[in-house]
N, C-alpha and C. Protein backbone atom coordinates (compact mmCIF):
# COMPACT_ATOMS: atom_id res chain seq x y z
N MET A 1 3.72 13.68 3.81
CA MET A 1 3.95 12.33 4.23
C MET A 1 2.93 11.97 5.30
N ASN A 2 2.35 10.79 5.20
CA ASN A 2 1.38 10.33 6.17
C ASN A 2 2.04 9.39 7.17
N TRP A 3 1.63 9.49 8.43
CA TRP A 3 2.14 8.61 9.47
C TRP A 3 1.04 7.68 9.91
N ARG A 4 1.33 6.40 10.02
CA ARG A 4 0.38 5.40 10.46
C ARG A 4 0.99 4.60 11.59
N THR A 5 0.15 4.20 12.52
CA THR A 5 0.62 3.33 13.59
C THR A 5 0.69 1.92 13.05
N SER A 6 1.79 1.27 13.29
CA SER A 6 2.01 -0.08 12.80
C SER A 6 1.01 -1.05 13.41
N SER A 7 0.60 -2.05 12.64
CA SER A 7 -0.28 -3.09 13.16
C SER A 7 0.44 -3.97 14.17
N TRP A 8 1.75 -3.83 14.26
CA TRP A 8 2.54 -4.60 15.24
C TRP A 8 2.62 -3.87 16.57
N SER A 9 2.07 -2.68 16.65
CA SER A 9 2.11 -1.92 17.88
C SER A 9 1.23 -2.56 18.95
N THR A 10 1.59 -2.33 20.20
CA THR A 10 0.78 -2.85 21.30
C THR A 10 -0.18 -1.77 21.76
N TYR A 11 -1.15 -2.15 22.54
CA TYR A 11 -2.16 -1.20 23.01
C TYR A 11 -1.77 -0.58 24.35
N ASN A 12 -0.55 -0.79 24.81
CA ASN A 12 -0.12 -0.21 26.07
C ASN A 12 0.68 1.07 25.88
N GLY A 13 0.58 1.65 24.72
CA GLY A 13 1.28 2.90 24.45
C GLY A 13 2.60 2.72 23.73
N ASN A 14 3.06 1.49 23.57
CA ASN A 14 4.31 1.23 22.85
C ASN A 14 3.99 1.07 21.37
N CYS A 15 3.93 2.18 20.67
CA CYS A 15 3.53 2.17 19.27
C CYS A 15 4.71 2.49 18.36
N VAL A 16 4.63 1.93 17.19
CA VAL A 16 5.60 2.23 16.15
C VAL A 16 4.85 2.96 15.05
N ALA A 17 5.30 4.15 14.71
CA ALA A 17 4.69 4.91 13.62
C ALA A 17 5.57 4.79 12.39
N VAL A 18 4.96 4.57 11.26
CA VAL A 18 5.71 4.45 10.02
C VAL A 18 5.25 5.52 9.03
N ALA A 19 6.18 6.03 8.28
CA ALA A 19 5.87 7.06 7.29
C ALA A 19 5.69 6.38 5.94
N ALA A 20 4.71 6.82 5.22
CA ALA A 20 4.46 6.27 3.89
C ALA A 20 4.18 7.42 2.94
N GLU A 21 4.89 7.43 1.84
CA GLU A 21 4.61 8.40 0.79
C GLU A 21 3.79 7.67 -0.27
N TRP A 22 2.51 7.97 -0.32
CA TRP A 22 1.59 7.26 -1.20
C TRP A 22 1.68 7.80 -2.62
N ARG A 23 1.63 6.88 -3.60
CA ARG A 23 1.68 7.24 -5.01
C ARG A 23 0.55 6.59 -5.77
N LYS A 24 -0.05 7.34 -6.66
CA LYS A 24 -1.07 6.80 -7.56
C LYS A 24 -0.38 6.33 -8.84
N SER A 25 -0.94 5.30 -9.43
CA SER A 25 -0.42 4.81 -10.69
C SER A 25 -0.63 5.85 -11.79
N SER A 26 0.30 5.92 -12.70
CA SER A 26 0.14 6.82 -13.85
C SER A 26 -0.96 6.32 -14.77
N LEU A 27 -1.40 5.08 -14.58
CA LEU A 27 -2.47 4.51 -15.39
C LEU A 27 -3.83 4.59 -14.70
N SER A 28 -3.91 5.27 -13.56
CA SER A 28 -5.17 5.38 -12.82
C SER A 28 -6.20 6.15 -13.62
N ALA A 29 -7.46 5.76 -13.42
CA ALA A 29 -8.57 6.45 -14.07
C ALA A 29 -8.70 7.84 -13.47
N GLY A 30 -9.18 8.79 -14.24
CA GLY A 30 -9.34 10.15 -13.76
C GLY A 30 -10.61 10.37 -12.96
N ASN A 31 -11.34 9.28 -12.65
CA ASN A 31 -12.61 9.41 -11.94
C ASN A 31 -12.49 9.23 -10.43
N GLY A 32 -11.29 9.19 -9.90
CA GLY A 32 -11.11 9.03 -8.47
C GLY A 32 -11.04 7.58 -8.02
N ALA A 33 -11.25 6.63 -8.91
CA ALA A 33 -11.19 5.21 -8.57
C ALA A 33 -9.75 4.74 -8.73
N CYS A 34 -8.92 5.09 -7.76
CA CYS A 34 -7.50 4.80 -7.87
C CYS A 34 -7.00 4.00 -6.67
N GLY A 35 -6.06 3.16 -6.95
CA GLY A 35 -5.32 2.51 -5.88
C GLY A 35 -4.03 3.27 -5.69
N GLU A 36 -3.50 3.26 -4.48
CA GLU A 36 -2.23 3.91 -4.20
C GLU A 36 -1.30 2.90 -3.56
N THR A 37 -0.02 3.06 -3.82
CA THR A 37 0.98 2.20 -3.20
C THR A 37 1.99 3.04 -2.43
N ALA A 38 2.61 2.41 -1.46
CA ALA A 38 3.69 3.03 -0.70
C ALA A 38 4.71 1.96 -0.38
N SER A 39 5.96 2.28 -0.57
CA SER A 39 7.04 1.36 -0.20
C SER A 39 7.52 1.71 1.20
N CYS A 40 7.86 0.69 1.94
CA CYS A 40 8.43 0.90 3.27
C CYS A 40 9.47 -0.19 3.50
N ARG A 41 10.15 -0.13 4.61
CA ARG A 41 11.21 -1.10 4.90
C ARG A 41 10.72 -2.53 4.84
N CYS A 42 9.48 -2.74 5.25
CA CYS A 42 8.98 -4.11 5.35
C CYS A 42 8.20 -4.57 4.12
N GLY A 43 8.13 -3.77 3.07
CA GLY A 43 7.45 -4.21 1.86
C GLY A 43 6.68 -3.11 1.17
N VAL A 44 5.50 -3.46 0.65
CA VAL A 44 4.67 -2.54 -0.11
C VAL A 44 3.28 -2.52 0.53
N ARG A 45 2.70 -1.33 0.59
CA ARG A 45 1.36 -1.16 1.13
C ARG A 45 0.45 -0.65 0.01
N VAL A 46 -0.82 -1.05 0.04
CA VAL A 46 -1.79 -0.65 -0.98
C VAL A 46 -3.06 -0.18 -0.27
N ARG A 47 -3.62 0.93 -0.76
CA ARG A 47 -4.87 1.44 -0.19
C ARG A 47 -5.73 2.03 -1.30
N ASP A 48 -6.99 2.29 -0.96
CA ASP A 48 -7.94 2.93 -1.86
C ASP A 48 -7.79 4.44 -1.68
N SER A 49 -7.52 5.15 -2.75
CA SER A 49 -7.29 6.60 -2.65
C SER A 49 -8.53 7.35 -2.16
N LYS A 50 -9.73 6.78 -2.37
CA LYS A 50 -10.96 7.43 -1.91
C LYS A 50 -11.14 7.30 -0.40
N ASP A 51 -10.39 6.41 0.23
CA ASP A 51 -10.52 6.15 1.67
C ASP A 51 -9.13 6.09 2.30
N PRO A 52 -8.41 7.22 2.35
CA PRO A 52 -7.02 7.20 2.82
C PRO A 52 -6.85 6.76 4.28
N ASP A 53 -7.90 6.84 5.07
CA ASP A 53 -7.80 6.40 6.45
C ASP A 53 -8.37 4.99 6.64
N GLY A 54 -8.75 4.36 5.54
CA GLY A 54 -9.33 3.02 5.59
C GLY A 54 -8.27 1.94 5.64
N PRO A 55 -8.68 0.72 5.35
CA PRO A 55 -7.76 -0.42 5.43
C PRO A 55 -6.60 -0.32 4.45
N VAL A 56 -5.50 -0.91 4.84
CA VAL A 56 -4.28 -0.95 4.03
C VAL A 56 -3.86 -2.41 3.89
N LEU A 57 -3.63 -2.85 2.67
CA LEU A 57 -3.13 -4.20 2.43
C LEU A 57 -1.61 -4.18 2.50
N ALA A 58 -1.02 -5.20 3.10
CA ALA A 58 0.43 -5.27 3.25
C ALA A 58 0.98 -6.46 2.47
N PHE A 59 2.03 -6.23 1.70
CA PHE A 59 2.68 -7.27 0.92
C PHE A 59 4.18 -7.23 1.16
N SER A 60 4.80 -8.39 1.20
CA SER A 60 6.27 -8.42 1.23
C SER A 60 6.77 -8.00 -0.14
N ARG A 61 8.03 -7.67 -0.24
CA ARG A 61 8.59 -7.30 -1.55
C ARG A 61 8.50 -8.46 -2.54
N ALA A 62 8.70 -9.68 -2.06
CA ALA A 62 8.61 -10.85 -2.94
C ALA A 62 7.18 -11.05 -3.44
N GLU A 63 6.20 -10.89 -2.56
CA GLU A 63 4.80 -11.01 -2.97
C GLU A 63 4.44 -9.96 -4.01
N TRP A 64 4.88 -8.72 -3.76
CA TRP A 64 4.56 -7.63 -4.70
C TRP A 64 5.24 -7.86 -6.05
N ALA A 65 6.47 -8.35 -6.04
CA ALA A 65 7.18 -8.64 -7.29
C ALA A 65 6.45 -9.73 -8.07
N GLY A 66 5.97 -10.76 -7.38
CA GLY A 66 5.21 -11.82 -8.04
C GLY A 66 3.91 -11.30 -8.63
N PHE A 67 3.23 -10.42 -7.89
CA PHE A 67 1.98 -9.83 -8.37
C PHE A 67 2.21 -8.98 -9.61
N THR A 68 3.20 -8.10 -9.58
CA THR A 68 3.44 -7.23 -10.73
C THR A 68 3.93 -8.03 -11.94
N THR A 69 4.69 -9.09 -11.71
CA THR A 69 5.12 -9.96 -12.81
C THR A 69 3.91 -10.62 -13.46
N ALA A 70 2.96 -11.08 -12.64
CA ALA A 70 1.75 -11.72 -13.16
C ALA A 70 0.91 -10.73 -13.96
N ILE A 71 0.82 -9.50 -13.48
CA ILE A 71 0.07 -8.47 -14.23
C ILE A 71 0.71 -8.24 -15.59
N LYS A 72 2.02 -8.08 -15.61
CA LYS A 72 2.72 -7.84 -16.87
C LYS A 72 2.58 -9.01 -17.83
N ALA A 73 2.41 -10.22 -17.30
CA ALA A 73 2.25 -11.41 -18.13
C ALA A 73 0.80 -11.58 -18.59
N GLY A 74 -0.10 -10.69 -18.16
CA GLY A 74 -1.49 -10.75 -18.60
C GLY A 74 -2.34 -11.77 -17.86
N GLU A 75 -1.92 -12.20 -16.68
CA GLU A 75 -2.66 -13.22 -15.94
C GLU A 75 -3.98 -12.72 -15.35
N PHE A 76 -4.21 -11.41 -15.31
CA PHE A 76 -5.42 -10.87 -14.69
C PHE A 76 -6.32 -10.14 -15.69
N THR A 77 -6.21 -10.47 -16.95
CA THR A 77 -7.04 -9.79 -17.95
C THR A 77 -8.29 -10.57 -18.26
């Protein structure tokens, strides 16, 4: 399990660390070009598996549900 400091943390030492269990899609390419997702209390996080310490996108559960519904409907093909 990876621990990350929340973006809501302050710089005076009052930090919130959150645990995220990252998962790769079963449809990911075998060439290392994978996205990973993690669920947490505040929604869903997405990162590039090649850069685990890099930027993380944050989505609410409603935003993620809308995105996955659109994918299933073929809106991004």
